[in-house]
Amino acid sequence: MQPQIPRQSAHEHGTQRVDNDARLSDELASVVGGARRRAVRDGDRQIDTAHLLHSLLESGPEARAVFGDGPPLARLLGYLVQRSIGYGLRWQSGVEDSGAGPVVTGSAGFSPLAAAAMERACARAAERCRAARGVDLLDAIFVDPQARAVEVLQRAGIDPGEVRARLADGTPWPPECVGGGEAAH
């Protein structure tokens, strides 16, 4: 029997489950559910940033489009599949945490870096007056250089900084956003 990622009710934990969070788009809630299933299937103790990246690329066309349809995306997906069928075993005993920031509480089942990335994604989306989408999470998981998603990206020969730059250039600020990001952009 494979270990299960701990599930706690909102009452037991004092917060809503992340994939039921009203701050998430339906797309991103689906991505979180996919990452949770992948972590359970892989026998990992927590959902890490690589699980989130894999789920984003499988179910998020907007996130997948950032990489294009060429060899870089194929290498990245190949590496993620390779990780899920065995490479990830060396990570099962540890928690993904760079130690660079505070541990985010209230996100049962997520590694500290994955929980922080979810919070950053929600904050990025709130600045744009919308629910968090896949591109928000994609940007957020590449912030910490110690994240497993960053390691996967680099092993696939893709620079996380270039991905974040493409996301910054391709994400327009909607004019209806009060306090809008015009000055911040």
C-alpha atoms as a PDB file:
ATOM      1  CA  MET A   1       0.000   0.000   0.000  1.00  0.00           C
ATOM      2  CA  GLN A   2       1.368   3.395  -0.991  1.00  0.00           C
ATOM      3  CA  PRO A   3       1.482   6.171   1.578  1.00  0.00           C
ATOM      4  CA  GLN A   4      -1.262   8.746   1.176  1.00  0.00           C
ATOM      5  CA  ILE A   5      -0.821  12.497   1.362  1.00  0.00           C
ATOM      6  CA  PRO A   6      -2.524  13.565   4.573  1.00  0.00           C
ATOM      7  CA  ARG A   7      -6.004  14.948   4.077  1.00  0.00           C
ATOM      8  CA  GLN A   8      -7.560  17.107   6.709  1.00  0.00           C
ATOM      9  CA  SER A   9     -10.987  18.613   6.766  1.00  0.00           C
ATOM     10  CA  ALA A  10     -11.252  22.388   6.825  1.00  0.00           C
ATOM     11  CA  HIS A  11     -12.521  22.112  10.390  1.00  0.00           C
ATOM     12  CA  GLU A  12      -9.549  19.982  11.525  1.00  0.00           C
ATOM     13  CA  HIS A  13      -7.008  22.202   9.843  1.00  0.00           C
ATOM     14  CA  GLY A  14      -8.656  25.571  10.346  1.00  0.00           C
ATOM     15  CA  THR A  15      -8.489  26.474   6.629  1.00  0.00           C
ATOM     16  CA  GLN A  16     -10.024  25.471   3.329  1.00  0.00           C
ATOM     17  CA  ARG A  17      -8.222  22.917   1.205  1.00  0.00           C
ATOM     18  CA  VAL A  18      -6.118  24.681  -1.399  1.00  0.00           C
ATOM     19  CA  ASP A  19      -7.913  23.141  -4.397  1.00  0.00           C
ATOM     20  CA  ASN A  20     -11.248  24.427  -3.029  1.00  0.00           C
ATOM     21  CA  ASP A  21      -9.802  27.928  -2.646  1.00  0.00           C
ATOM     22  CA  ALA A  22     -11.992  30.603  -4.257  1.00  0.00           C
ATOM     23  CA  ARG A  23      -8.787  32.426  -5.269  1.00  0.00           C
ATOM     24  CA  LEU A  24      -8.058  29.658  -7.820  1.00  0.00           C
ATOM     25  CA  SER A  25      -9.482  29.391 -11.325  1.00  0.00           C
ATOM     26  CA  ASP A  26     -11.147  26.096 -12.234  1.00  0.00           C
ATOM     27  CA  GLU A  27      -8.065  25.328 -14.351  1.00  0.00           C
ATOM     28  CA  LEU A  28      -5.683  25.789 -11.423  1.00  0.00           C
ATOM     29  CA  ALA A  29      -7.896  23.826  -9.022  1.00  0.00           C
ATOM     30  CA  SER A  30      -7.762  20.973 -11.546  1.00  0.00           C
ATOM     31  CA  VAL A  31      -3.958  21.296 -11.743  1.00  0.00           C
ATOM     32  CA  VAL A  32      -3.715  21.020  -7.946  1.00  0.00           C
ATOM     33  CA  GLY A  33      -5.930  17.932  -7.987  1.00  0.00           C
ATOM     34  CA  GLY A  34      -3.742  16.393 -10.691  1.00  0.00           C
ATOM     35  CA  ALA A  35      -0.571  17.159  -8.721  1.00  0.00           C
ATOM     36  CA  ARG A  36      -2.112  15.561  -5.618  1.00  0.00           C
ATOM     37  CA  ARG A  37      -2.988  12.388  -7.571  1.00  0.00           C
ATOM     38  CA  ARG A  38       0.512  12.289  -9.083  1.00  0.00           C
ATOM     39  CA  ALA A  39       2.164  12.604  -5.654  1.00  0.00           C
ATOM     40  CA  VAL A  40       0.003   9.809  -4.237  1.00  0.00           C
ATOM     41  CA  ARG A  41       0.658   7.591  -7.272  1.00  0.00           C
ATOM     42  CA  ASP A  42       4.411   8.283  -7.037  1.00  0.00           C
ATOM     43  CA  GLY A  43       4.407   7.429  -3.329  1.00  0.00           C
ATOM     44  CA  ASP A  44       5.665  10.879  -2.338  1.00  0.00           C
ATOM     45  CA  ARG A  45       4.829  12.310   1.084  1.00  0.00           C
ATOM     46  CA  GLN A  46       4.022  15.786  -0.215  1.00  0.00           C
ATOM     47  CA  ILE A  47       3.050  17.617  -3.370  1.00  0.00           C
ATOM     48  CA  ASP A  48       6.198  19.391  -4.521  1.00  0.00           C
ATOM     49  CA  THR A  49       6.829  21.993  -7.211  1.00  0.00           C
ATOM     50  CA  ALA A  50       7.780  19.308  -9.763  1.00  0.00           C
ATOM     51  CA  HIS A  51       4.379  17.643  -9.271  1.00  0.00           C
ATOM     52  CA  LEU A  52       2.752  21.032  -9.850  1.00  0.00           C
ATOM     53  CA  LEU A  53       4.865  21.647 -12.979  1.00  0.00           C
ATOM     54  CA  HIS A  54       4.011  18.222 -14.397  1.00  0.00           C
ATOM     55  CA  SER A  55       0.302  18.740 -13.783  1.00  0.00           C
ATOM     56  CA  LEU A  56       0.454  22.261 -15.279  1.00  0.00           C
ATOM     57  CA  LEU A  57       2.021  20.970 -18.473  1.00  0.00           C
ATOM     58  CA  GLU A  58      -0.459  18.103 -18.749  1.00  0.00           C
ATOM     59  CA  SER A  59      -3.623  20.106 -18.213  1.00  0.00           C
ATOM     60  CA  GLY A  60      -2.738  23.780 -18.658  1.00  0.00           C
ATOM     61  CA  PRO A  61      -2.623  24.802 -22.328  1.00  0.00           C
ATOM     62  CA  GLU A  62      -1.711  28.370 -21.392  1.00  0.00           C
ATOM     63  CA  ALA A  63       1.263  27.169 -19.315  1.00  0.00           C
ATOM     64  CA  ARG A  64       2.313  24.649 -21.978  1.00  0.00           C
ATOM     65  CA  ALA A  65       2.255  27.376 -24.649  1.00  0.00           C
ATOM     66  CA  VAL A  66       5.025  29.246 -22.786  1.00  0.00           C
ATOM     67  CA  PHE A  67       7.420  26.463 -23.835  1.00  0.00           C
ATOM     68  CA  GLY A  68       6.166  26.141 -27.432  1.00  0.00           C
ATOM     69  CA  ASP A  69       5.707  22.825 -29.227  1.00  0.00           C
ATOM     70  CA  GLY A  70       9.347  22.103 -29.976  1.00  0.00           C
ATOM     71  CA  PRO A  71      12.171  20.097 -28.458  1.00  0.00           C
ATOM     72  CA  PRO A  72      12.403  22.030 -25.151  1.00  0.00           C
ATOM     73  CA  LEU A  73       8.829  21.038 -24.206  1.00  0.00           C
ATOM     74  CA  ALA A  74       9.433  17.443 -25.314  1.00  0.00           C
ATOM     75  CA  ARG A  75      12.625  17.245 -23.198  1.00  0.00           C
ATOM     76  CA  LEU A  76      10.855  18.768 -20.198  1.00  0.00           C
ATOM     77  CA  LEU A  77       7.891  16.382 -20.411  1.00  0.00           C
ATOM     78  CA  GLY A  78      10.250  13.451 -20.944  1.00  0.00           C
ATOM     79  CA  TYR A  79      12.224  14.366 -17.859  1.00  0.00           C
ATOM     80  CA  LEU A  80       9.066  14.782 -15.764  1.00  0.00           C
ATOM     81  CA  VAL A  81       7.790  11.376 -16.872  1.00  0.00           C
ATOM     82  CA  GLN A  82      11.178   9.836 -16.117  1.00  0.00           C
ATOM     83  CA  ARG A  83      11.077  11.411 -12.661  1.00  0.00           C
ATOM     84  CA  SER A  84       7.581  10.081 -11.964  1.00  0.00           C
ATOM     85  CA  ILE A  85       8.512   6.509 -12.871  1.00  0.00           C
ATOM     86  CA  GLY A  86      11.522   6.282 -10.635  1.00  0.00           C
ATOM     87  CA  TYR A  87      13.847   9.254 -10.564  1.00  0.00           C
ATOM     88  CA  GLY A  88      11.742  10.876  -7.852  1.00  0.00           C
ATOM     89  CA  LEU A  89      12.495   8.044  -5.432  1.00  0.00           C
ATOM     90  CA  ARG A  90      15.549   9.871  -4.103  1.00  0.00           C
ATOM     91  CA  TRP A  91      13.276  12.751  -3.085  1.00  0.00           C
ATOM     92  CA  GLN A  92      10.606  10.740  -1.267  1.00  0.00           C
ATOM     93  CA  SER A  93      12.247  10.844   2.116  1.00  0.00           C
ATOM     94  CA  GLY A  94      12.832  14.578   2.188  1.00  0.00           C
ATOM     95  CA  VAL A  95      10.756  17.706   2.234  1.00  0.00           C
ATOM     96  CA  GLU A  96      11.244  20.212  -0.561  1.00  0.00           C
ATOM     97  CA  ASP A  97      12.403  23.266   1.375  1.00  0.00           C
ATOM     98  CA  SER A  98      15.202  25.677   0.592  1.00  0.00           C
ATOM     99  CA  GLY A  99      15.163  27.135   4.089  1.00  0.00           C
ATOM    100  CA  ALA A 100      15.213  30.565   2.456  1.00  0.00           C
ATOM    101  CA  GLY A 101      11.830  31.658   3.712  1.00  0.00           C
ATOM    102  CA  PRO A 102       9.218  30.987   6.336  1.00  0.00           C
ATOM    103  CA  VAL A 103       7.247  27.760   6.185  1.00  0.00           C
ATOM    104  CA  VAL A 104       3.718  28.403   4.952  1.00  0.00           C
ATOM    105  CA  THR A 105       1.130  26.804   7.176  1.00  0.00           C
ATOM    106  CA  GLY A 106      -2.432  25.925   6.266  1.00  0.00           C
ATOM    107  CA  SER A 107      -1.573  23.893   3.146  1.00  0.00           C
ATOM    108  CA  ALA A 108      -1.710  20.257   4.218  1.00  0.00           C
ATOM    109  CA  GLY A 109      -0.030  17.957   1.757  1.00  0.00           C
ATOM    110  CA  PHE A 110       2.191  20.587   0.087  1.00  0.00           C
ATOM    111  CA  SER A 111       5.930  20.928   0.516  1.00  0.00           C
ATOM    112  CA  PRO A 112       6.898  24.287   2.011  1.00  0.00           C
ATOM    113  CA  LEU A 113       8.102  25.533  -1.403  1.00  0.00           C
ATOM    114  CA  ALA A 114       4.939  24.329  -3.180  1.00  0.00           C
ATOM    115  CA  ALA A 115       2.734  25.992  -0.542  1.00  0.00           C
ATOM    116  CA  ALA A 116       4.705  29.236  -0.894  1.00  0.00           C
ATOM    117  CA  ALA A 117       4.382  29.021  -4.694  1.00  0.00           C
ATOM    118  CA  MET A 118       0.597  28.632  -4.385  1.00  0.00           C
ATOM    119  CA  GLU A 119       0.474  31.746  -2.184  1.00  0.00           C
ATOM    120  CA  ARG A 120       2.664  33.699  -4.655  1.00  0.00           C
ATOM    121  CA  ALA A 121       0.418  32.596  -7.541  1.00  0.00           C
ATOM    122  CA  CYS A 122      -2.674  33.832  -5.705  1.00  0.00           C
ATOM    123  CA  ALA A 123      -0.969  37.146  -4.878  1.00  0.00           C
ATOM    124  CA  ARG A 124       0.159  37.593  -8.520  1.00  0.00           C
ATOM    125  CA  ALA A 125      -3.395  36.965  -9.718  1.00  0.00           C
ATOM    126  CA  ALA A 126      -4.901  39.298  -7.106  1.00  0.00           C
ATOM    127  CA  GLU A 127      -2.675  42.089  -8.429  1.00  0.00           C
ATOM    128  CA  ARG A 128      -4.320  41.438 -11.801  1.00  0.00           C
ATOM    129  CA  CYS A 129      -7.844  41.354 -10.303  1.00  0.00           C
ATOM    130  CA  ARG A 130      -8.591  37.738 -11.180  1.00  0.00           C
ATOM    131  CA  ALA A 131      -8.467  34.201  -9.850  1.00  0.00           C
ATOM    132  CA  ALA A 132      -5.081  32.472 -10.001  1.00  0.00           C
ATOM    133  CA  ARG A 133      -4.416  30.654 -13.270  1.00  0.00           C
ATOM    134  CA  GLY A 134      -1.819  28.177 -14.430  1.00  0.00           C
ATOM    135  CA  VAL A 135       0.524  30.889 -15.696  1.00  0.00           C
ATOM    136  CA  ASP A 136       0.520  32.484 -12.238  1.00  0.00           C
ATOM    137  CA  LEU A 137       1.606  29.201 -10.673  1.00  0.00           C
ATOM    138  CA  LEU A 138       4.119  28.562 -13.438  1.00  0.00           C
ATOM    139  CA  ASP A 139       5.791  31.880 -12.650  1.00  0.00           C
ATOM    140  CA  ALA A 140       5.611  31.262  -8.887  1.00  0.00           C
ATOM    141  CA  ILE A 141       7.206  27.800  -8.889  1.00  0.00           C
ATOM    142  CA  PHE A 142      10.375  29.125 -10.545  1.00  0.00           C
ATOM    143  CA  VAL A 143      11.054  31.860  -7.944  1.00  0.00           C
ATOM    144  CA  ASP A 144      13.116  29.739  -5.550  1.00  0.00           C
ATOM    145  CA  PRO A 145      16.258  28.262  -7.144  1.00  0.00           C
ATOM    146  CA  GLN A 146      16.059  25.319  -4.701  1.00  0.00           C
ATOM    147  CA  ALA A 147      12.645  24.217  -6.020  1.00  0.00           C
ATOM    148  CA  ARG A 148      12.494  20.792  -7.631  1.00  0.00           C
ATOM    149  CA  ALA A 149      10.656  22.333 -10.593  1.00  0.00           C
ATOM    150  CA  VAL A 150      13.695  24.568 -11.174  1.00  0.00           C
ATOM    151  CA  GLU A 151      15.991  21.530 -11.065  1.00  0.00           C
ATOM    152  CA  VAL A 152      13.765  19.680 -13.549  1.00  0.00           C
ATOM    153  CA  LEU A 153      13.698  22.706 -15.852  1.00  0.00           C
ATOM    154  CA  GLN A 154      17.476  23.113 -15.747  1.00  0.00           C
ATOM    155  CA  ARG A 155      18.061  19.405 -16.396  1.00  0.00           C
ATOM    156  CA  ALA A 156      15.846  19.751 -19.459  1.00  0.00           C
ATOM    157  CA  GLY A 157      18.127  22.584 -20.636  1.00  0.00           C
ATOM    158  CA  ILE A 158      15.655  25.409 -20.003  1.00  0.00           C
ATOM    159  CA  ASP A 159      16.574  28.585 -18.120  1.00  0.00           C
ATOM    160  CA  PRO A 160      13.943  29.390 -15.454  1.00  0.00           C
ATOM    161  CA  GLY A 161      14.781  33.102 -15.780  1.00  0.00           C
ATOM    162  CA  GLU A 162      13.879  33.024 -19.481  1.00  0.00           C
ATOM    163  CA  VAL A 163      10.564  31.329 -18.694  1.00  0.00           C
ATOM    164  CA  ARG A 164       9.734  33.965 -16.079  1.00  0.00           C
ATOM    165  CA  ALA A 165      10.699  36.747 -18.526  1.00  0.00           C
ATOM    166  CA  ARG A 166       8.344  35.298 -21.173  1.00  0.00           C
ATOM    167  CA  LEU A 167       5.580  35.142 -18.592  1.00  0.00           C
ATOM    168  CA  ALA A 168       6.177  38.752 -17.555  1.00  0.00           C
ATOM    169  CA  ASP A 169       6.134  39.955 -21.176  1.00  0.00           C
ATOM    170  CA  GLY A 170       3.081  37.945 -22.158  1.00  0.00           C
ATOM    171  CA  THR A 171       0.783  38.720 -19.247  1.00  0.00           C
ATOM    172  CA  PRO A 172      -1.053  41.991 -19.895  1.00  0.00           C
ATOM    173  CA  TRP A 173      -2.549  44.006 -17.084  1.00  0.00           C
ATOM    174  CA  PRO A 174      -6.319  44.290 -17.560  1.00  0.00           C
ATOM    175  CA  PRO A 175      -7.472  47.941 -17.621  1.00  0.00           C
ATOM    176  CA  GLU A 176     -10.345  47.178 -15.249  1.00  0.00           C
ATOM    177  CA  CYS A 177      -7.911  46.297 -12.463  1.00  0.00           C
ATOM    178  CA  VAL A 178      -8.330  49.018  -9.864  1.00  0.00           C
ATOM    179  CA  GLY A 179      -4.954  50.149  -8.545  1.00  0.00           C
ATOM    180  CA  GLY A 180      -3.860  48.345 -11.702  1.00  0.00           C
ATOM    181  CA  GLY A 181      -0.283  47.363 -12.254  1.00  0.00           C
ATOM    182  CA  GLU A 182       0.412  50.082 -14.810  1.00  0.00           C
ATOM    183  CA  ALA A 183       3.077  51.622 -12.607  1.00  0.00           C
ATOM    184  CA  ALA A 184       4.323  48.244 -11.433  1.00  0.00           C
ATOM    185  CA  HIS A 185       4.592  46.790 -14.950  1.00  0.00           C
END
